[in-house]
Amino acid sequence: MNQKVVWQNEEQFGCEHLSIFKEEKNFSAKGTIIYVEGDQSNAHIVEYKVDLDSKWFTKKLTIIVDEHNSLKLKSDGKGNWFGNDGQVIDKLKGAIDIDISATPFSNSLPINRMNWVLNQEEHFEMVYISIPSLEVKKVPQSYKYLKNNGKLRYFRYRSYDYETIICIDEHGLVIDYPNVFRRI
Protein backbone atom coordinates (compact mmCIF):
# COMPACT_ATOMS: atom_id res chain seq x y z
CA MET A 1 0.00 0.00 0.00
CA ASN A 2 1.42 3.32 -1.10
CA GLN A 3 -1.19 6.06 -0.87
CA LYS A 4 -1.26 9.83 -0.90
CA VAL A 5 -4.40 11.74 0.05
CA VAL A 6 -5.47 15.27 0.92
CA TRP A 7 -8.20 16.06 3.41
CA GLN A 8 -10.00 19.35 3.81
CA ASN A 9 -10.72 20.38 7.39
CA GLU A 10 -14.37 21.49 7.30
CA GLU A 11 -14.56 22.32 11.00
CA GLN A 12 -11.67 24.77 10.87
CA PHE A 13 -10.00 26.33 7.85
CA GLY A 14 -7.21 23.98 6.79
CA CYS A 15 -6.10 20.83 5.06
CA GLU A 16 -3.79 17.82 5.40
CA HIS A 17 -1.50 15.90 3.07
CA LEU A 18 -0.93 12.28 4.10
CA SER A 19 1.37 9.72 2.55
CA ILE A 20 1.31 6.14 3.75
CA PHE A 21 3.73 3.56 2.49
CA LYS A 22 4.83 0.02 3.17
CA GLU A 23 8.42 -0.65 4.23
CA GLU A 24 9.09 -4.40 4.04
CA LYS A 25 6.30 -5.76 6.31
CA ASN A 26 5.58 -2.55 8.21
CA PHE A 27 3.82 0.71 7.39
CA SER A 28 4.72 4.35 7.93
CA ALA A 29 2.41 7.34 7.64
CA LYS A 30 3.53 10.95 7.35
CA GLY A 31 1.12 13.83 7.57
CA THR A 32 1.37 17.60 7.28
CA ILE A 33 -1.59 19.57 8.60
CA ILE A 34 -2.09 23.30 8.18
CA TYR A 35 -5.08 24.91 9.86
CA VAL A 36 -6.38 28.06 11.52
CA GLU A 37 -7.78 27.76 15.02
CA GLY A 38 -10.29 30.49 15.82
CA ASP A 39 -9.09 33.78 14.39
CA GLN A 40 -6.79 34.22 11.41
CA SER A 41 -3.72 34.99 13.53
CA ASN A 42 -3.82 31.55 15.19
CA ALA A 43 -2.50 29.40 12.34
CA HIS A 44 -0.72 26.10 13.01
CA ILE A 45 1.39 23.59 11.13
CA VAL A 46 1.49 20.03 12.43
CA GLU A 47 3.80 17.33 11.13
CA TYR A 48 3.51 13.75 12.29
CA LYS A 49 4.97 10.34 11.54
CA VAL A 50 3.44 7.08 12.71
CA ASP A 51 5.34 3.80 12.41
CA LEU A 52 3.05 0.77 12.35
CA ASP A 53 3.69 -2.94 12.32
CA SER A 54 2.21 -5.26 9.68
CA LYS A 55 -1.08 -5.53 11.64
CA TRP A 56 -1.52 -1.75 12.01
CA PHE A 57 -0.40 -1.57 15.65
CA THR A 58 1.30 1.74 16.45
CA LYS A 59 4.95 1.28 17.34
CA LYS A 60 6.23 4.86 17.30
CA LEU A 61 4.73 8.33 16.99
CA THR A 62 6.39 11.70 16.50
CA ILE A 63 4.40 14.95 16.32
CA ILE A 64 5.83 18.44 15.85
CA VAL A 65 3.53 21.46 16.25
CA ASP A 66 4.58 24.85 14.91
CA GLU A 67 8.15 23.62 14.37
CA HIS A 68 9.06 23.64 18.08
CA ASN A 69 6.60 21.75 20.32
CA SER A 70 7.02 18.01 19.98
CA LEU A 71 5.78 14.72 21.35
CA LYS A 72 7.36 11.30 20.92
CA LEU A 73 5.70 8.09 22.05
CA LYS A 74 6.55 4.42 21.62
CA SER A 75 4.32 1.40 22.11
CA ASP A 76 4.81 -2.33 22.38
CA GLY A 77 1.44 -2.83 20.63
CA LYS A 78 0.08 -4.51 23.78
CA GLY A 79 -1.19 -1.44 25.61
CA ASN A 80 2.10 -0.20 27.07
CA TRP A 81 3.31 3.30 26.16
CA PHE A 82 6.68 4.90 26.71
CA GLY A 83 7.87 8.49 26.59
CA ASN A 84 10.97 9.76 24.85
CA ASP A 85 12.96 8.97 28.01
CA GLY A 86 11.85 5.31 27.90
CA GLN A 87 9.67 5.66 31.00
CA VAL A 88 6.29 3.88 31.07
CA ILE A 89 3.29 6.24 30.84
CA ASP A 90 0.91 4.58 33.31
CA LYS A 91 -2.15 6.71 32.48
CA LEU A 92 -2.15 5.28 28.91
CA LYS A 93 -1.94 1.60 29.92
CA GLY A 94 -4.36 -0.55 27.95
CA ALA A 95 -4.75 1.81 24.99
CA ILE A 96 -3.74 0.26 21.68
CA ASP A 97 -4.33 3.00 19.11
CA ILE A 98 -3.66 6.71 18.82
CA ASP A 99 -6.16 9.42 17.98
CA ILE A 100 -4.55 12.67 16.85
CA SER A 101 -7.33 15.27 17.11
CA ALA A 102 -6.40 17.15 13.92
CA THR A 103 -6.47 14.23 11.45
CA PRO A 104 -8.91 11.56 10.24
CA PHE A 105 -5.97 9.20 9.65
CA SER A 106 -6.29 7.96 13.24
CA ASN A 107 -9.59 6.27 12.34
CA SER A 108 -7.71 4.01 9.92
CA LEU A 109 -5.78 2.23 12.68
CA PRO A 110 -8.56 0.21 14.39
CA ILE A 111 -10.48 -0.09 11.11
CA ASN A 112 -7.54 -1.61 9.22
CA ARG A 113 -6.53 -3.93 12.05
CA MET A 114 -9.86 -5.75 12.25
CA ASN A 115 -11.52 -8.20 9.85
CA TRP A 116 -14.94 -6.59 9.91
CA VAL A 117 -18.32 -8.22 9.21
CA LEU A 118 -21.57 -6.27 8.87
CA ASN A 119 -23.04 -5.05 12.17
CA GLN A 120 -19.85 -5.89 14.08
CA GLU A 121 -19.13 -3.36 16.83
CA GLU A 122 -15.78 -3.03 18.56
CA HIS A 123 -14.70 -0.94 21.54
CA PHE A 124 -11.23 0.55 21.88
CA GLU A 125 -9.20 2.58 24.32
CA MET A 126 -7.26 5.25 22.45
CA VAL A 127 -4.32 7.51 23.24
CA TYR A 128 -5.95 10.83 22.41
CA ILE A 129 -3.53 13.63 21.48
CA SER A 130 -5.01 17.11 21.49
CA ILE A 131 -3.57 19.46 18.88
CA PRO A 132 -1.99 22.03 19.29
CA SER A 133 -1.45 21.51 23.06
CA LEU A 134 -0.10 17.92 22.70
CA GLU A 135 -2.05 16.97 25.84
CA VAL A 136 -2.30 13.17 26.04
CA LYS A 137 -5.07 11.13 27.67
CA LYS A 138 -6.80 7.78 27.29
CA VAL A 139 -10.34 7.83 25.85
CA PRO A 140 -12.92 5.17 24.91
CA GLN A 141 -14.14 4.89 21.33
CA SER A 142 -16.21 2.43 19.34
CA TYR A 143 -16.81 1.59 15.71
CA LYS A 144 -19.72 -0.33 14.22
CA TYR A 145 -19.58 -1.55 10.60
CA LEU A 146 -22.95 -0.47 9.19
CA LYS A 147 -22.89 -1.08 5.44
CA ASN A 148 -20.88 -1.05 2.25
CA ASN A 149 -21.47 0.49 -1.15
CA GLY A 150 -19.06 -0.99 -3.67
CA LYS A 151 -15.58 -0.37 -2.28
CA LEU A 152 -16.83 2.15 0.28
CA ARG A 153 -17.57 1.12 3.87
CA TYR A 154 -19.57 3.02 6.47
CA PHE A 155 -18.92 2.94 10.21
CA ARG A 156 -20.69 4.50 13.16
CA TYR A 157 -18.00 6.14 15.27
CA ARG A 158 -18.60 7.01 18.94
CA SER A 159 -16.56 8.64 21.67
CA TYR A 160 -18.32 9.65 24.88
CA ASP A 161 -21.47 11.54 23.72
CA TYR A 162 -20.17 12.26 20.20
CA GLU A 163 -21.41 10.08 17.34
CA THR A 164 -21.16 10.24 13.55
CA ILE A 165 -21.11 8.01 10.46
CA ILE A 166 -17.78 7.95 8.61
CA CYS A 167 -17.19 6.68 5.08
CA ILE A 168 -13.89 4.98 4.25
CA ASP A 169 -12.29 3.63 1.06
CA GLU A 170 -10.93 0.15 0.32
CA HIS A 171 -7.63 1.09 2.02
CA GLY A 172 -9.35 2.08 5.26
CA LEU A 173 -8.77 5.80 4.71
CA VAL A 174 -11.52 8.32 5.43
CA ILE A 175 -13.45 9.74 2.47
CA ASP A 176 -16.02 11.65 4.54
CA TYR A 177 -16.16 12.48 8.24
CA PRO A 178 -19.29 14.69 8.16
CA ASN A 179 -18.73 18.37 8.93
CA VAL A 180 -15.17 17.67 10.10
CA PHE A 181 -12.97 16.18 7.33
CA ARG A 182 -13.57 15.47 3.64
CA ARG A 183 -11.18 13.94 1.17
CA ILE A 184 -10.37 16.13 -1.82
C-alpha atoms as a PDB file:
ATOM      1  CA  MET A   1       0.000   0.000   0.000  1.00  0.00           C
ATOM      2  CA  ASN A   2       1.419   3.319  -1.101  1.00  0.00           C
ATOM      3  CA  GLN A   3      -1.189   6.061  -0.872  1.00  0.00           C
ATOM      4  CA  LYS A   4      -1.264   9.830  -0.904  1.00  0.00           C
ATOM      5  CA  VAL A   5      -4.395  11.735   0.053  1.00  0.00           C
ATOM      6  CA  VAL A   6      -5.468  15.267   0.918  1.00  0.00           C
ATOM      7  CA  TRP A   7      -8.205  16.062   3.413  1.00  0.00           C
ATOM      8  CA  GLN A   8      -9.998  19.351   3.813  1.00  0.00           C
ATOM      9  CA  ASN A   9     -10.724  20.377   7.390  1.00  0.00           C
ATOM     10  CA  GLU A  10     -14.368  21.487   7.304  1.00  0.00           C
ATOM     11  CA  GLU A  11     -14.560  22.318  10.996  1.00  0.00           C
ATOM     12  CA  GLN A  12     -11.673  24.775  10.874  1.00  0.00           C
ATOM     13  CA  PHE A  13     -10.003  26.330   7.853  1.00  0.00           C
ATOM     14  CA  GLY A  14      -7.206  23.976   6.791  1.00  0.00           C
ATOM     15  CA  CYS A  15      -6.101  20.826   5.059  1.00  0.00           C
ATOM     16  CA  GLU A  16      -3.789  17.821   5.396  1.00  0.00           C
ATOM     17  CA  HIS A  17      -1.499  15.903   3.074  1.00  0.00           C
ATOM     18  CA  LEU A  18      -0.925  12.278   4.098  1.00  0.00           C
ATOM     19  CA  SER A  19       1.372   9.721   2.548  1.00  0.00           C
ATOM     20  CA  ILE A  20       1.311   6.144   3.745  1.00  0.00           C
ATOM     21  CA  PHE A  21       3.732   3.564   2.493  1.00  0.00           C
ATOM     22  CA  LYS A  22       4.832   0.019   3.167  1.00  0.00           C
ATOM     23  CA  GLU A  23       8.417  -0.654   4.225  1.00  0.00           C
ATOM     24  CA  GLU A  24       9.088  -4.397   4.040  1.00  0.00           C
ATOM     25  CA  LYS A  25       6.302  -5.761   6.313  1.00  0.00           C
ATOM     26  CA  ASN A  26       5.575  -2.553   8.214  1.00  0.00           C
ATOM     27  CA  PHE A  27       3.816   0.713   7.393  1.00  0.00           C
ATOM     28  CA  SER A  28       4.716   4.353   7.927  1.00  0.00           C
ATOM     29  CA  ALA A  29       2.410   7.335   7.639  1.00  0.00           C
ATOM     30  CA  LYS A  30       3.529  10.949   7.349  1.00  0.00           C
ATOM     31  CA  GLY A  31       1.123  13.833   7.574  1.00  0.00           C
ATOM     32  CA  THR A  32       1.375  17.596   7.283  1.00  0.00           C
ATOM     33  CA  ILE A  33      -1.586  19.570   8.601  1.00  0.00           C
ATOM     34  CA  ILE A  34      -2.094  23.296   8.184  1.00  0.00           C
ATOM     35  CA  TYR A  35      -5.080  24.911   9.863  1.00  0.00           C
ATOM     36  CA  VAL A  36      -6.377  28.060  11.518  1.00  0.00           C
ATOM     37  CA  GLU A  37      -7.779  27.758  15.019  1.00  0.00           C
ATOM     38  CA  GLY A  38     -10.291  30.487  15.824  1.00  0.00           C
ATOM     39  CA  ASP A  39      -9.093  33.779  14.386  1.00  0.00           C
ATOM     40  CA  GLN A  40      -6.788  34.218  11.411  1.00  0.00           C
ATOM     41  CA  SER A  41      -3.719  34.987  13.535  1.00  0.00           C
ATOM     42  CA  ASN A  42      -3.818  31.552  15.191  1.00  0.00           C
ATOM     43  CA  ALA A  43      -2.496  29.403  12.335  1.00  0.00           C
ATOM     44  CA  HIS A  44      -0.716  26.096  13.011  1.00  0.00           C
ATOM     45  CA  ILE A  45       1.387  23.585  11.130  1.00  0.00           C
ATOM     46  CA  VAL A  46       1.494  20.033  12.431  1.00  0.00           C
ATOM     47  CA  GLU A  47       3.803  17.332  11.131  1.00  0.00           C
ATOM     48  CA  TYR A  48       3.509  13.747  12.286  1.00  0.00           C
ATOM     49  CA  LYS A  49       4.967  10.339  11.540  1.00  0.00           C
ATOM     50  CA  VAL A  50       3.440   7.076  12.708  1.00  0.00           C
ATOM     51  CA  ASP A  51       5.341   3.796  12.409  1.00  0.00           C
ATOM     52  CA  LEU A  52       3.046   0.775  12.348  1.00  0.00           C
ATOM     53  CA  ASP A  53       3.694  -2.945  12.318  1.00  0.00           C
ATOM     54  CA  SER A  54       2.208  -5.255   9.677  1.00  0.00           C
ATOM     55  CA  LYS A  55      -1.080  -5.532  11.644  1.00  0.00           C
ATOM     56  CA  TRP A  56      -1.522  -1.746  12.010  1.00  0.00           C
ATOM     57  CA  PHE A  57      -0.402  -1.567  15.646  1.00  0.00           C
ATOM     58  CA  THR A  58       1.296   1.744  16.448  1.00  0.00           C
ATOM     59  CA  LYS A  59       4.954   1.278  17.338  1.00  0.00           C
ATOM     60  CA  LYS A  60       6.234   4.860  17.300  1.00  0.00           C
ATOM     61  CA  LEU A  61       4.726   8.328  16.986  1.00  0.00           C
ATOM     62  CA  THR A  62       6.390  11.702  16.504  1.00  0.00           C
ATOM     63  CA  ILE A  63       4.402  14.948  16.318  1.00  0.00           C
ATOM     64  CA  ILE A  64       5.827  18.440  15.851  1.00  0.00           C
ATOM     65  CA  VAL A  65       3.535  21.460  16.247  1.00  0.00           C
ATOM     66  CA  ASP A  66       4.577  24.855  14.913  1.00  0.00           C
ATOM     67  CA  GLU A  67       8.149  23.619  14.371  1.00  0.00           C
ATOM     68  CA  HIS A  68       9.061  23.638  18.079  1.00  0.00           C
ATOM     69  CA  ASN A  69       6.600  21.750  20.317  1.00  0.00           C
ATOM     70  CA  SER A  70       7.020  18.010  19.978  1.00  0.00           C
ATOM     71  CA  LEU A  71       5.779  14.715  21.351  1.00  0.00           C
ATOM     72  CA  LYS A  72       7.363  11.297  20.916  1.00  0.00           C
ATOM     73  CA  LEU A  73       5.702   8.092  22.049  1.00  0.00           C
ATOM     74  CA  LYS A  74       6.555   4.421  21.624  1.00  0.00           C
ATOM     75  CA  SER A  75       4.320   1.404  22.108  1.00  0.00           C
ATOM     76  CA  ASP A  76       4.813  -2.325  22.375  1.00  0.00           C
ATOM     77  CA  GLY A  77       1.436  -2.831  20.632  1.00  0.00           C
ATOM     78  CA  LYS A  78       0.077  -4.513  23.784  1.00  0.00           C
ATOM     79  CA  GLY A  79      -1.185  -1.441  25.608  1.00  0.00           C
ATOM     80  CA  ASN A  80       2.100  -0.196  27.072  1.00  0.00           C
ATOM     81  CA  TRP A  81       3.308   3.298  26.156  1.00  0.00           C
ATOM     82  CA  PHE A  82       6.683   4.896  26.713  1.00  0.00           C
ATOM     83  CA  GLY A  83       7.870   8.492  26.590  1.00  0.00           C
ATOM     84  CA  ASN A  84      10.967   9.760  24.853  1.00  0.00           C
ATOM     85  CA  ASP A  85      12.963   8.970  28.007  1.00  0.00           C
ATOM     86  CA  GLY A  86      11.850   5.313  27.896  1.00  0.00           C
ATOM     87  CA  GLN A  87       9.670   5.657  30.999  1.00  0.00           C
ATOM     88  CA  VAL A  88       6.292   3.885  31.072  1.00  0.00           C
ATOM     89  CA  ILE A  89       3.295   6.238  30.843  1.00  0.00           C
ATOM     90  CA  ASP A  90       0.913   4.579  33.312  1.00  0.00           C
ATOM     91  CA  LYS A  91      -2.154   6.711  32.477  1.00  0.00           C
ATOM     92  CA  LEU A  92      -2.153   5.275  28.909  1.00  0.00           C
ATOM     93  CA  LYS A  93      -1.944   1.600  29.923  1.00  0.00           C
ATOM     94  CA  GLY A  94      -4.356  -0.549  27.952  1.00  0.00           C
ATOM     95  CA  ALA A  95      -4.746   1.811  24.991  1.00  0.00           C
ATOM     96  CA  ILE A  96      -3.737   0.259  21.682  1.00  0.00           C
ATOM     97  CA  ASP A  97      -4.330   2.996  19.114  1.00  0.00           C
ATOM     98  CA  ILE A  98      -3.663   6.705  18.819  1.00  0.00           C
ATOM     99  CA  ASP A  99      -6.158   9.422  17.982  1.00  0.00           C
ATOM    100  CA  ILE A 100      -4.550  12.667  16.848  1.00  0.00           C
ATOM    101  CA  SER A 101      -7.328  15.266  17.108  1.00  0.00           C
ATOM    102  CA  ALA A 102      -6.398  17.148  13.916  1.00  0.00           C
ATOM    103  CA  THR A 103      -6.470  14.227  11.447  1.00  0.00           C
ATOM    104  CA  PRO A 104      -8.911  11.558  10.244  1.00  0.00           C
ATOM    105  CA  PHE A 105      -5.967   9.196   9.649  1.00  0.00           C
ATOM    106  CA  SER A 106      -6.290   7.955  13.238  1.00  0.00           C
ATOM    107  CA  ASN A 107      -9.592   6.270  12.339  1.00  0.00           C
ATOM    108  CA  SER A 108      -7.711   4.007   9.924  1.00  0.00           C
ATOM    109  CA  LEU A 109      -5.782   2.234  12.676  1.00  0.00           C
ATOM    110  CA  PRO A 110      -8.556   0.212  14.388  1.00  0.00           C
ATOM    111  CA  ILE A 111     -10.479  -0.089  11.113  1.00  0.00           C
ATOM    112  CA  ASN A 112      -7.539  -1.609   9.222  1.00  0.00           C
ATOM    113  CA  ARG A 113      -6.530  -3.934  12.046  1.00  0.00           C
ATOM    114  CA  MET A 114      -9.858  -5.752  12.255  1.00  0.00           C
ATOM    115  CA  ASN A 115     -11.517  -8.204   9.850  1.00  0.00           C
ATOM    116  CA  TRP A 116     -14.944  -6.594   9.913  1.00  0.00           C
ATOM    117  CA  VAL A 117     -18.318  -8.217   9.212  1.00  0.00           C
ATOM    118  CA  LEU A 118     -21.566  -6.273   8.866  1.00  0.00           C
ATOM    119  CA  ASN A 119     -23.041  -5.049  12.172  1.00  0.00           C
ATOM    120  CA  GLN A 120     -19.853  -5.888  14.082  1.00  0.00           C
ATOM    121  CA  GLU A 121     -19.130  -3.357  16.826  1.00  0.00           C
ATOM    122  CA  GLU A 122     -15.776  -3.034  18.563  1.00  0.00           C
ATOM    123  CA  HIS A 123     -14.705  -0.940  21.541  1.00  0.00           C
ATOM    124  CA  PHE A 124     -11.232   0.549  21.879  1.00  0.00           C
ATOM    125  CA  GLU A 125      -9.199   2.585  24.318  1.00  0.00           C
ATOM    126  CA  MET A 126      -7.260   5.250  22.447  1.00  0.00           C
ATOM    127  CA  VAL A 127      -4.317   7.506  23.236  1.00  0.00           C
ATOM    128  CA  TYR A 128      -5.949  10.833  22.409  1.00  0.00           C
ATOM    129  CA  ILE A 129      -3.532  13.625  21.481  1.00  0.00           C
ATOM    130  CA  SER A 130      -5.012  17.110  21.488  1.00  0.00           C
ATOM    131  CA  ILE A 131      -3.567  19.460  18.876  1.00  0.00           C
ATOM    132  CA  PRO A 132      -1.991  22.032  19.288  1.00  0.00           C
ATOM    133  CA  SER A 133      -1.449  21.506  23.062  1.00  0.00           C
ATOM    134  CA  LEU A 134      -0.100  17.920  22.698  1.00  0.00           C
ATOM    135  CA  GLU A 135      -2.045  16.973  25.838  1.00  0.00           C
ATOM    136  CA  VAL A 136      -2.298  13.170  26.036  1.00  0.00           C
ATOM    137  CA  LYS A 137      -5.067  11.132  27.670  1.00  0.00           C
ATOM    138  CA  LYS A 138      -6.804   7.783  27.291  1.00  0.00           C
ATOM    139  CA  VAL A 139     -10.341   7.833  25.849  1.00  0.00           C
ATOM    140  CA  PRO A 140     -12.923   5.169  24.915  1.00  0.00           C
ATOM    141  CA  GLN A 141     -14.136   4.895  21.332  1.00  0.00           C
ATOM    142  CA  SER A 142     -16.214   2.434  19.343  1.00  0.00           C
ATOM    143  CA  TYR A 143     -16.808   1.588  15.708  1.00  0.00           C
ATOM    144  CA  LYS A 144     -19.719  -0.329  14.223  1.00  0.00           C
ATOM    145  CA  TYR A 145     -19.576  -1.553  10.603  1.00  0.00           C
ATOM    146  CA  LEU A 146     -22.946  -0.469   9.187  1.00  0.00           C
ATOM    147  CA  LYS A 147     -22.886  -1.078   5.442  1.00  0.00           C
ATOM    148  CA  ASN A 148     -20.879  -1.054   2.253  1.00  0.00           C
ATOM    149  CA  ASN A 149     -21.469   0.485  -1.148  1.00  0.00           C
ATOM    150  CA  GLY A 150     -19.055  -0.987  -3.674  1.00  0.00           C
ATOM    151  CA  LYS A 151     -15.576  -0.367  -2.284  1.00  0.00           C
ATOM    152  CA  LEU A 152     -16.829   2.148   0.282  1.00  0.00           C
ATOM    153  CA  ARG A 153     -17.574   1.119   3.871  1.00  0.00           C
ATOM    154  CA  TYR A 154     -19.567   3.023   6.473  1.00  0.00           C
ATOM    155  CA  PHE A 155     -18.918   2.945  10.212  1.00  0.00           C
ATOM    156  CA  ARG A 156     -20.693   4.502  13.160  1.00  0.00           C
ATOM    157  CA  TYR A 157     -18.005   6.136  15.274  1.00  0.00           C
ATOM    158  CA  ARG A 158     -18.596   7.011  18.943  1.00  0.00           C
ATOM    159  CA  SER A 159     -16.557   8.640  21.670  1.00  0.00           C
ATOM    160  CA  TYR A 160     -18.317   9.649  24.875  1.00  0.00           C
ATOM    161  CA  ASP A 161     -21.473  11.544  23.718  1.00  0.00           C
ATOM    162  CA  TYR A 162     -20.166  12.262  20.199  1.00  0.00           C
ATOM    163  CA  GLU A 163     -21.412  10.078  17.343  1.00  0.00           C
ATOM    164  CA  THR A 164     -21.160  10.236  13.552  1.00  0.00           C
ATOM    165  CA  ILE A 165     -21.114   8.009  10.460  1.00  0.00           C
ATOM    166  CA  ILE A 166     -17.781   7.950   8.608  1.00  0.00           C
ATOM    167  CA  CYS A 167     -17.187   6.680   5.076  1.00  0.00           C
ATOM    168  CA  ILE A 168     -13.886   4.983   4.246  1.00  0.00           C
ATOM    169  CA  ASP A 169     -12.292   3.634   1.060  1.00  0.00           C
ATOM    170  CA  GLU A 170     -10.929   0.153   0.316  1.00  0.00           C
ATOM    171  CA  HIS A 171      -7.628   1.088   2.025  1.00  0.00           C
ATOM    172  CA  GLY A 172      -9.347   2.077   5.262  1.00  0.00           C
ATOM    173  CA  LEU A 173      -8.770   5.795   4.710  1.00  0.00           C
ATOM    174  CA  VAL A 174     -11.517   8.318   5.430  1.00  0.00           C
ATOM    175  CA  ILE A 175     -13.451   9.739   2.474  1.00  0.00           C
ATOM    176  CA  ASP A 176     -16.021  11.649   4.536  1.00  0.00           C
ATOM    177  CA  TYR A 177     -16.158  12.484   8.240  1.00  0.00           C
ATOM    178  CA  PRO A 178     -19.293  14.685   8.157  1.00  0.00           C
ATOM    179  CA  ASN A 179     -18.732  18.368   8.930  1.00  0.00           C
ATOM    180  CA  VAL A 180     -15.168  17.671  10.105  1.00  0.00           C
ATOM    181  CA  PHE A 181     -12.972  16.183   7.329  1.00  0.00           C
ATOM    182  CA  ARG A 182     -13.574  15.474   3.643  1.00  0.00           C
ATOM    183  CA  ARG A 183     -11.180  13.944   1.169  1.00  0.00           C
ATOM    184  CA  ILE A 184     -10.374  16.134  -1.825  1.00  0.00           C
END
